[in-house]
Amino acid sequence: NVQKVLNADPDTQVAKVGVGSPGKETTFFGSATLKAIKKFQVKHGLARVNGVGYGVFGPKTKAKLAEVSKLKGL
């Protein structure tokens, strides 16, 4: 579900095509998903580039992903 939420916004897509792209999400949390998480954190004001929590899939990021998922009906 993490990749589905990230892919719902063009700014945070895991991949444009292929594995991890919209409709081809996986359960694998690799480098492409991490990169998308970082973009998501910056976009939603959860962390700054190279700041505290940047790239950490912690409680704040999980909560915001859940909120966005609910808003988008995912």
PDB file of N, CA and C in Angstrom:
ATOM      1  N   ASN A   1       0.821  -1.192   0.000  1.00  0.00           N
ATOM      2  CA  ASN A   1       0.000   0.000   0.000  1.00  0.00           C
ATOM      3  C   ASN A   1       0.871   1.264   0.000  1.00  0.00           C
ATOM      4  N   VAL A   2       2.063   1.202   0.560  1.00  0.00           N
ATOM      5  CA  VAL A   2       2.960   2.360   0.586  1.00  0.00           C
ATOM      6  C   VAL A   2       3.230   2.833  -0.835  1.00  0.00           C
ATOM      7  N   GLN A   3       3.590   1.925  -1.711  1.00  0.00           N
ATOM      8  CA  GLN A   3       3.881   2.316  -3.090  1.00  0.00           C
ATOM      9  C   GLN A   3       2.637   2.853  -3.791  1.00  0.00           C
ATOM     10  N   LYS A   4       1.472   2.320  -3.489  1.00  0.00           N
ATOM     11  CA  LYS A   4       0.238   2.820  -4.109  1.00  0.00           C
ATOM     12  C   LYS A   4      -0.003   4.269  -3.719  1.00  0.00           C
ATOM     13  N   VAL A   5       0.199   4.593  -2.452  1.00  0.00           N
ATOM     14  CA  VAL A   5       0.009   5.972  -1.990  1.00  0.00           C
ATOM     15  C   VAL A   5       1.042   6.887  -2.647  1.00  0.00           C
ATOM     16  N   LEU A   6       2.285   6.460  -2.661  1.00  0.00           N
ATOM     17  CA  LEU A   6       3.335   7.260  -3.281  1.00  0.00           C
ATOM     18  C   LEU A   6       3.063   7.460  -4.768  1.00  0.00           C
ATOM     19  N   ASN A   7       2.589   6.439  -5.439  1.00  0.00           N
ATOM     20  CA  ASN A   7       2.319   6.524  -6.875  1.00  0.00           C
ATOM     21  C   ASN A   7       1.080   7.340  -7.210  1.00  0.00           C
ATOM     22  N   ALA A   8       0.244   7.616  -6.226  1.00  0.00           N
ATOM     23  CA  ALA A   8      -0.964   8.398  -6.463  1.00  0.00           C
ATOM     24  C   ALA A   8      -0.646   9.869  -6.733  1.00  0.00           C
ATOM     25  N   ASP A   9       0.584  10.272  -6.476  1.00  0.00           N
ATOM     26  CA  ASP A   9       1.020  11.651  -6.693  1.00  0.00           C
ATOM     27  C   ASP A   9       2.231  11.625  -7.634  1.00  0.00           C
ATOM     28  N   PRO A  10       2.151  12.290  -8.766  1.00  0.00           N
ATOM     29  CA  PRO A  10       3.286  12.292  -9.706  1.00  0.00           C
ATOM     30  C   PRO A  10       4.589  12.791  -9.085  1.00  0.00           C
ATOM     31  N   ASP A  11       4.508  13.613  -8.062  1.00  0.00           N
ATOM     32  CA  ASP A  11       5.704  14.140  -7.407  1.00  0.00           C
ATOM     33  C   ASP A  11       6.434  13.099  -6.561  1.00  0.00           C
ATOM     34  N   THR A  12       5.729  12.043  -6.176  1.00  0.00           N
ATOM     35  CA  THR A  12       6.338  11.050  -5.288  1.00  0.00           C
ATOM     36  C   THR A  12       6.306   9.635  -5.860  1.00  0.00           C
ATOM     37  N   GLN A  13       6.096   9.498  -7.140  1.00  0.00           N
ATOM     38  CA  GLN A  13       6.030   8.169  -7.751  1.00  0.00           C
ATOM     39  C   GLN A  13       7.308   7.377  -7.515  1.00  0.00           C
ATOM     40  N   VAL A  14       7.132   6.099  -7.261  1.00  0.00           N
ATOM     41  CA  VAL A  14       8.260   5.191  -7.066  1.00  0.00           C
ATOM     42  C   VAL A  14       8.996   5.003  -8.394  1.00  0.00           C
ATOM     43  N   ALA A  15       8.237   4.823  -9.457  1.00  0.00           N
ATOM     44  CA  ALA A  15       8.808   4.655 -10.800  1.00  0.00           C
ATOM     45  C   ALA A  15       7.765   5.089 -11.822  1.00  0.00           C
ATOM     46  N   LYS A  16       8.219   5.578 -12.937  1.00  0.00           N
ATOM     47  CA  LYS A  16       7.305   5.992 -14.010  1.00  0.00           C
ATOM     48  C   LYS A  16       6.804   4.775 -14.789  1.00  0.00           C
ATOM     49  N   VAL A  17       7.705   3.811 -15.012  1.00  0.00           N
ATOM     50  CA  VAL A  17       7.361   2.590 -15.740  1.00  0.00           C
ATOM     51  C   VAL A  17       8.033   1.395 -15.068  1.00  0.00           C
ATOM     52  N   GLY A  18       7.536   0.207 -15.353  1.00  0.00           N
ATOM     53  CA  GLY A  18       8.152  -1.009 -14.827  1.00  0.00           C
ATOM     54  C   GLY A  18       7.783  -1.292 -13.382  1.00  0.00           C
ATOM     55  N   VAL A  19       8.610  -2.119 -12.752  1.00  0.00           N
ATOM     56  CA  VAL A  19       8.373  -2.545 -11.373  1.00  0.00           C
ATOM     57  C   VAL A  19       8.286  -1.327 -10.455  1.00  0.00           C
ATOM     58  N   GLY A  20       7.241  -1.298  -9.635  1.00  0.00           N
ATOM     59  CA  GLY A  20       7.043  -0.207  -8.693  1.00  0.00           C
ATOM     60  C   GLY A  20       6.251   0.953  -9.248  1.00  0.00           C
ATOM     61  N   SER A  21       5.979   0.938 -10.541  1.00  0.00           N
ATOM     62  CA  SER A  21       5.214   2.022 -11.164  1.00  0.00           C
ATOM     63  C   SER A  21       3.722   1.834 -10.893  1.00  0.00           C
ATOM     64  N   PRO A  22       2.912   2.866 -11.164  1.00  0.00           N
ATOM     65  CA  PRO A  22       1.474   2.735 -10.928  1.00  0.00           C
ATOM     66  C   PRO A  22       0.893   1.495 -11.604  1.00  0.00           C
ATOM     67  N   GLY A  23       0.205   0.684 -10.815  1.00  0.00           N
ATOM     68  CA  GLY A  23      -0.375  -0.558 -11.302  1.00  0.00           C
ATOM     69  C   GLY A  23       0.574  -1.747 -11.214  1.00  0.00           C
ATOM     70  N   LYS A  24       1.846  -1.475 -10.926  1.00  0.00           N
ATOM     71  CA  LYS A  24       2.846  -2.542 -10.816  1.00  0.00           C
ATOM     72  C   LYS A  24       3.594  -2.449  -9.482  1.00  0.00           C
ATOM     73  N   GLU A  25       2.866  -2.005  -8.449  1.00  0.00           N
ATOM     74  CA  GLU A  25       3.460  -1.872  -7.125  1.00  0.00           C
ATOM     75  C   GLU A  25       3.856  -3.233  -6.572  1.00  0.00           C
ATOM     76  N   THR A  26       4.851  -3.230  -5.710  1.00  0.00           N
ATOM     77  CA  THR A  26       5.333  -4.450  -5.073  1.00  0.00           C
ATOM     78  C   THR A  26       5.347  -4.256  -3.561  1.00  0.00           C
ATOM     79  N   THR A  27       5.745  -5.284  -2.848  1.00  0.00           N
ATOM     80  CA  THR A  27       5.914  -5.180  -1.397  1.00  0.00           C
ATOM     81  C   THR A  27       7.378  -4.945  -1.042  1.00  0.00           C
ATOM     82  N   PHE A  28       8.236  -4.791  -2.039  1.00  0.00           N
ATOM     83  CA  PHE A  28       9.665  -4.596  -1.822  1.00  0.00           C
ATOM     84  C   PHE A  28       9.968  -3.134  -1.493  1.00  0.00           C
ATOM     85  N   PHE A  29      10.660  -2.900  -0.385  1.00  0.00           N
ATOM     86  CA  PHE A  29      11.044  -1.550   0.023  1.00  0.00           C
ATOM     87  C   PHE A  29      12.523  -1.370  -0.312  1.00  0.00           C
ATOM     88  N   GLY A  30      12.773  -0.991  -1.554  1.00  0.00           N
ATOM     89  CA  GLY A  30      14.141  -0.818  -2.019  1.00  0.00           C
ATOM     90  C   GLY A  30      14.508   0.641  -2.187  1.00  0.00           C
ATOM     91  N   SER A  31      15.559   0.884  -2.931  1.00  0.00           N
ATOM     92  CA  SER A  31      16.091   2.239  -3.092  1.00  0.00           C
ATOM     93  C   SER A  31      15.111   3.178  -3.791  1.00  0.00           C
ATOM     94  N   ALA A  32      14.326   2.680  -4.740  1.00  0.00           N
ATOM     95  CA  ALA A  32      13.357   3.540  -5.435  1.00  0.00           C
ATOM     96  C   ALA A  32      12.238   3.965  -4.482  1.00  0.00           C
ATOM     97  N   THR A  33      11.798   3.042  -3.637  1.00  0.00           N
ATOM     98  CA  THR A  33      10.760   3.382  -2.655  1.00  0.00           C
ATOM     99  C   THR A  33      11.311   4.368  -1.638  1.00  0.00           C
ATOM    100  N   LEU A  34      12.538   4.165  -1.194  1.00  0.00           N
ATOM    101  CA  LEU A  34      13.154   5.085  -0.246  1.00  0.00           C
ATOM    102  C   LEU A  34      13.271   6.485  -0.844  1.00  0.00           C
ATOM    103  N   LYS A  35      13.663   6.571  -2.087  1.00  0.00           N
ATOM    104  CA  LYS A  35      13.772   7.872  -2.757  1.00  0.00           C
ATOM    105  C   LYS A  35      12.401   8.565  -2.804  1.00  0.00           C
ATOM    106  N   ALA A  36      11.354   7.788  -3.098  1.00  0.00           N
ATOM    107  CA  ALA A  36       9.996   8.327  -3.136  1.00  0.00           C
ATOM    108  C   ALA A  36       9.540   8.760  -1.742  1.00  0.00           C
ATOM    109  N   ILE A  37       9.900   8.003  -0.711  1.00  0.00           N
ATOM    110  CA  ILE A  37       9.569   8.362   0.676  1.00  0.00           C
ATOM    111  C   ILE A  37      10.205   9.709   1.017  1.00  0.00           C
ATOM    112  N   LYS A  38      11.454   9.901   0.624  1.00  0.00           N
ATOM    113  CA  LYS A  38      12.145  11.163   0.894  1.00  0.00           C
ATOM    114  C   LYS A  38      11.432  12.326   0.222  1.00  0.00           C
ATOM    115  N   LYS A  39      11.000  12.134  -1.014  1.00  0.00           N
ATOM    116  CA  LYS A  39      10.257  13.186  -1.730  1.00  0.00           C
ATOM    117  C   LYS A  39       8.938  13.475  -1.007  1.00  0.00           C
ATOM    118  N   PHE A  40       8.268  12.414  -0.547  1.00  0.00           N
ATOM    119  CA  PHE A  40       7.009  12.548   0.184  1.00  0.00           C
ATOM    120  C   PHE A  40       7.225  13.350   1.468  1.00  0.00           C
ATOM    121  N   GLN A  41       8.290  13.039   2.198  1.00  0.00           N
ATOM    122  CA  GLN A  41       8.577  13.732   3.453  1.00  0.00           C
ATOM    123  C   GLN A  41       8.810  15.219   3.229  1.00  0.00           C
ATOM    124  N   VAL A  42       9.567  15.555   2.221  1.00  0.00           N
ATOM    125  CA  VAL A  42       9.849  16.963   1.924  1.00  0.00           C
ATOM    126  C   VAL A  42       8.558  17.660   1.487  1.00  0.00           C
ATOM    127  N   LYS A  43       7.813  17.034   0.596  1.00  0.00           N
ATOM    128  CA  LYS A  43       6.576  17.628   0.087  1.00  0.00           C
ATOM    129  C   LYS A  43       5.583  17.928   1.205  1.00  0.00           C
ATOM    130  N   HIS A  44       5.508  17.045   2.195  1.00  0.00           N
ATOM    131  CA  HIS A  44       4.519  17.200   3.264  1.00  0.00           C
ATOM    132  C   HIS A  44       5.110  17.835   4.535  1.00  0.00           C
ATOM    133  N   GLY A  45       6.311  18.364   4.428  1.00  0.00           N
ATOM    134  CA  GLY A  45       6.912  19.082   5.559  1.00  0.00           C
ATOM    135  C   GLY A  45       7.301  18.198   6.730  1.00  0.00           C
ATOM    136  N   LEU A  46       7.542  16.932   6.476  1.00  0.00           N
ATOM    137  CA  LEU A  46       7.904  16.010   7.547  1.00  0.00           C
ATOM    138  C   LEU A  46       9.397  16.018   7.841  1.00  0.00           C
ATOM    139  N   ALA A  47      10.190  16.362   6.849  1.00  0.00           N
ATOM    140  CA  ALA A  47      11.648  16.390   7.006  1.00  0.00           C
ATOM    141  C   ALA A  47      12.238  17.259   5.901  1.00  0.00           C
ATOM    142  N   ARG A  48      13.422  17.765   6.187  1.00  0.00           N
ATOM    143  CA  ARG A  48      14.181  18.505   5.172  1.00  0.00           C
ATOM    144  C   ARG A  48      15.278  17.598   4.639  1.00  0.00           C
ATOM    145  N   VAL A  49      15.734  17.895   3.435  1.00  0.00           N
ATOM    146  CA  VAL A  49      16.805  17.103   2.826  1.00  0.00           C
ATOM    147  C   VAL A  49      17.979  17.027   3.788  1.00  0.00           C
ATOM    148  N   ASN A  50      18.394  15.801   4.084  1.00  0.00           N
ATOM    149  CA  ASN A  50      19.491  15.500   5.011  1.00  0.00           C
ATOM    150  C   ASN A  50      19.244  15.953   6.448  1.00  0.00           C
ATOM    151  N   GLY A  51      18.010  16.319   6.776  1.00  0.00           N
ATOM    152  CA  GLY A  51      17.668  16.715   8.138  1.00  0.00           C
ATOM    153  C   GLY A  51      17.289  15.513   8.986  1.00  0.00           C
ATOM    154  N   VAL A  52      16.933  15.794  10.221  1.00  0.00           N
ATOM    155  CA  VAL A  52      16.521  14.746  11.165  1.00  0.00           C
ATOM    156  C   VAL A  52      15.295  14.023  10.616  1.00  0.00           C
ATOM    157  N   GLY A  53      15.357  12.720  10.571  1.00  0.00           N
ATOM    158  CA  GLY A  53      14.235  11.909  10.121  1.00  0.00           C
ATOM    159  C   GLY A  53      14.138  11.725   8.615  1.00  0.00           C
ATOM    160  N   TYR A  54      14.978  12.396   7.866  1.00  0.00           N
ATOM    161  CA  TYR A  54      14.934  12.305   6.402  1.00  0.00           C
ATOM    162  C   TYR A  54      15.255  10.875   5.960  1.00  0.00           C
ATOM    163  N   GLY A  55      14.321  10.263   5.262  1.00  0.00           N
ATOM    164  CA  GLY A  55      14.518   8.898   4.787  1.00  0.00           C
ATOM    165  C   GLY A  55      14.159   7.828   5.790  1.00  0.00           C
ATOM    166  N   VAL A  56      13.696   8.234   6.971  1.00  0.00           N
ATOM    167  CA  VAL A  56      13.296   7.266   8.000  1.00  0.00           C
ATOM    168  C   VAL A  56      11.785   7.036   7.879  1.00  0.00           C
ATOM    169  N   PHE A  57      11.405   5.795   7.728  1.00  0.00           N
ATOM    170  CA  PHE A  57       9.990   5.446   7.620  1.00  0.00           C
ATOM    171  C   PHE A  57       9.445   5.232   9.024  1.00  0.00           C
ATOM    172  N   GLY A  58       9.330   6.338   9.738  1.00  0.00           N
ATOM    173  CA  GLY A  58       8.910   6.305  11.131  1.00  0.00           C
ATOM    174  C   GLY A  58       7.454   6.682  11.325  1.00  0.00           C
ATOM    175  N   PRO A  59       7.063   6.939  12.579  1.00  0.00           N
ATOM    176  CA  PRO A  59       5.658   7.191  12.916  1.00  0.00           C
ATOM    177  C   PRO A  59       5.037   8.387  12.190  1.00  0.00           C
ATOM    178  N   LYS A  60       5.771   9.476  12.046  1.00  0.00           N
ATOM    179  CA  LYS A  60       5.215  10.661  11.375  1.00  0.00           C
ATOM    180  C   LYS A  60       4.937  10.379   9.906  1.00  0.00           C
ATOM    181  N   THR A  61       5.879   9.718   9.257  1.00  0.00           N
ATOM    182  CA  THR A  61       5.709   9.395   7.841  1.00  0.00           C
ATOM    183  C   THR A  61       4.579   8.389   7.660  1.00  0.00           C
ATOM    184  N   LYS A  62       4.530   7.379   8.515  1.00  0.00           N
ATOM    185  CA  LYS A  62       3.462   6.377   8.434  1.00  0.00           C
ATOM    186  C   LYS A  62       2.095   7.018   8.630  1.00  0.00           C
ATOM    187  N   ALA A  63       1.994   7.920   9.594  1.00  0.00           N
ATOM    188  CA  ALA A  63       0.718   8.583   9.866  1.00  0.00           C
ATOM    189  C   ALA A  63       0.283   9.438   8.680  1.00  0.00           C
ATOM    190  N   LYS A  64       1.214  10.154   8.092  1.00  0.00           N
ATOM    191  CA  LYS A  64       0.883  11.008   6.957  1.00  0.00           C
ATOM    192  C   LYS A  64       0.503  10.159   5.749  1.00  0.00           C
ATOM    193  N   LEU A  65       1.211   9.055   5.526  1.00  0.00           N
ATOM    194  CA  LEU A  65       0.846   8.143   4.437  1.00  0.00           C
ATOM    195  C   LEU A  65      -0.568   7.601   4.640  1.00  0.00           C
ATOM    196  N   ALA A  66      -0.905   7.246   5.872  1.00  0.00           N
ATOM    197  CA  ALA A  66      -2.254   6.741   6.173  1.00  0.00           C
ATOM    198  C   ALA A  66      -3.295   7.816   5.905  1.00  0.00           C
ATOM    199  N   GLU A  67      -2.996   9.041   6.280  1.00  0.00           N
ATOM    200  CA  GLU A  67      -3.913  10.166   6.060  1.00  0.00           C
ATOM    201  C   GLU A  67      -4.123  10.388   4.563  1.00  0.00           C
ATOM    202  N   VAL A  68      -3.042  10.425   3.809  1.00  0.00           N
ATOM    203  CA  VAL A  68      -3.140  10.631   2.366  1.00  0.00           C
ATOM    204  C   VAL A  68      -3.876   9.460   1.713  1.00  0.00           C
ATOM    205  N   SER A  69      -3.598   8.253   2.165  1.00  0.00           N
ATOM    206  CA  SER A  69      -4.259   7.057   1.638  1.00  0.00           C
ATOM    207  C   SER A  69      -5.776   7.166   1.824  1.00  0.00           C
ATOM    208  N   LYS A  70      -6.185   7.584   2.992  1.00  0.00           N
ATOM    209  CA  LYS A  70      -7.607   7.720   3.290  1.00  0.00           C
ATOM    210  C   LYS A  70      -8.234   8.813   2.428  1.00  0.00           C
ATOM    211  N   LEU A  71      -7.548   9.949   2.306  1.00  0.00           N
ATOM    212  CA  LEU A  71      -8.061  11.054   1.494  1.00  0.00           C
ATOM    213  C   LEU A  71      -8.228  10.666   0.030  1.00  0.00           C
ATOM    214  N   LYS A  72      -7.334   9.820  -0.458  1.00  0.00           N
ATOM    215  CA  LYS A  72      -7.371   9.405  -1.866  1.00  0.00           C
ATOM    216  C   LYS A  72      -8.185   8.123  -2.070  1.00  0.00           C
ATOM    217  N   GLY A  73      -8.706   7.580  -0.979  1.00  0.00           N
ATOM    218  CA  GLY A  73      -9.528   6.371  -1.078  1.00  0.00           C
ATOM    219  C   GLY A  73      -8.750   5.133  -1.503  1.00  0.00           C
ATOM    220  N   LEU A  74      -7.507   5.040  -1.029  1.00  0.00           N
ATOM    221  CA  LEU A  74      -6.659   3.895  -1.394  1.00  0.00           C
ATOM    222  C   LEU A  74      -6.682   2.812  -0.334  1.00  0.00           C
TER     223      LEU A  74
END
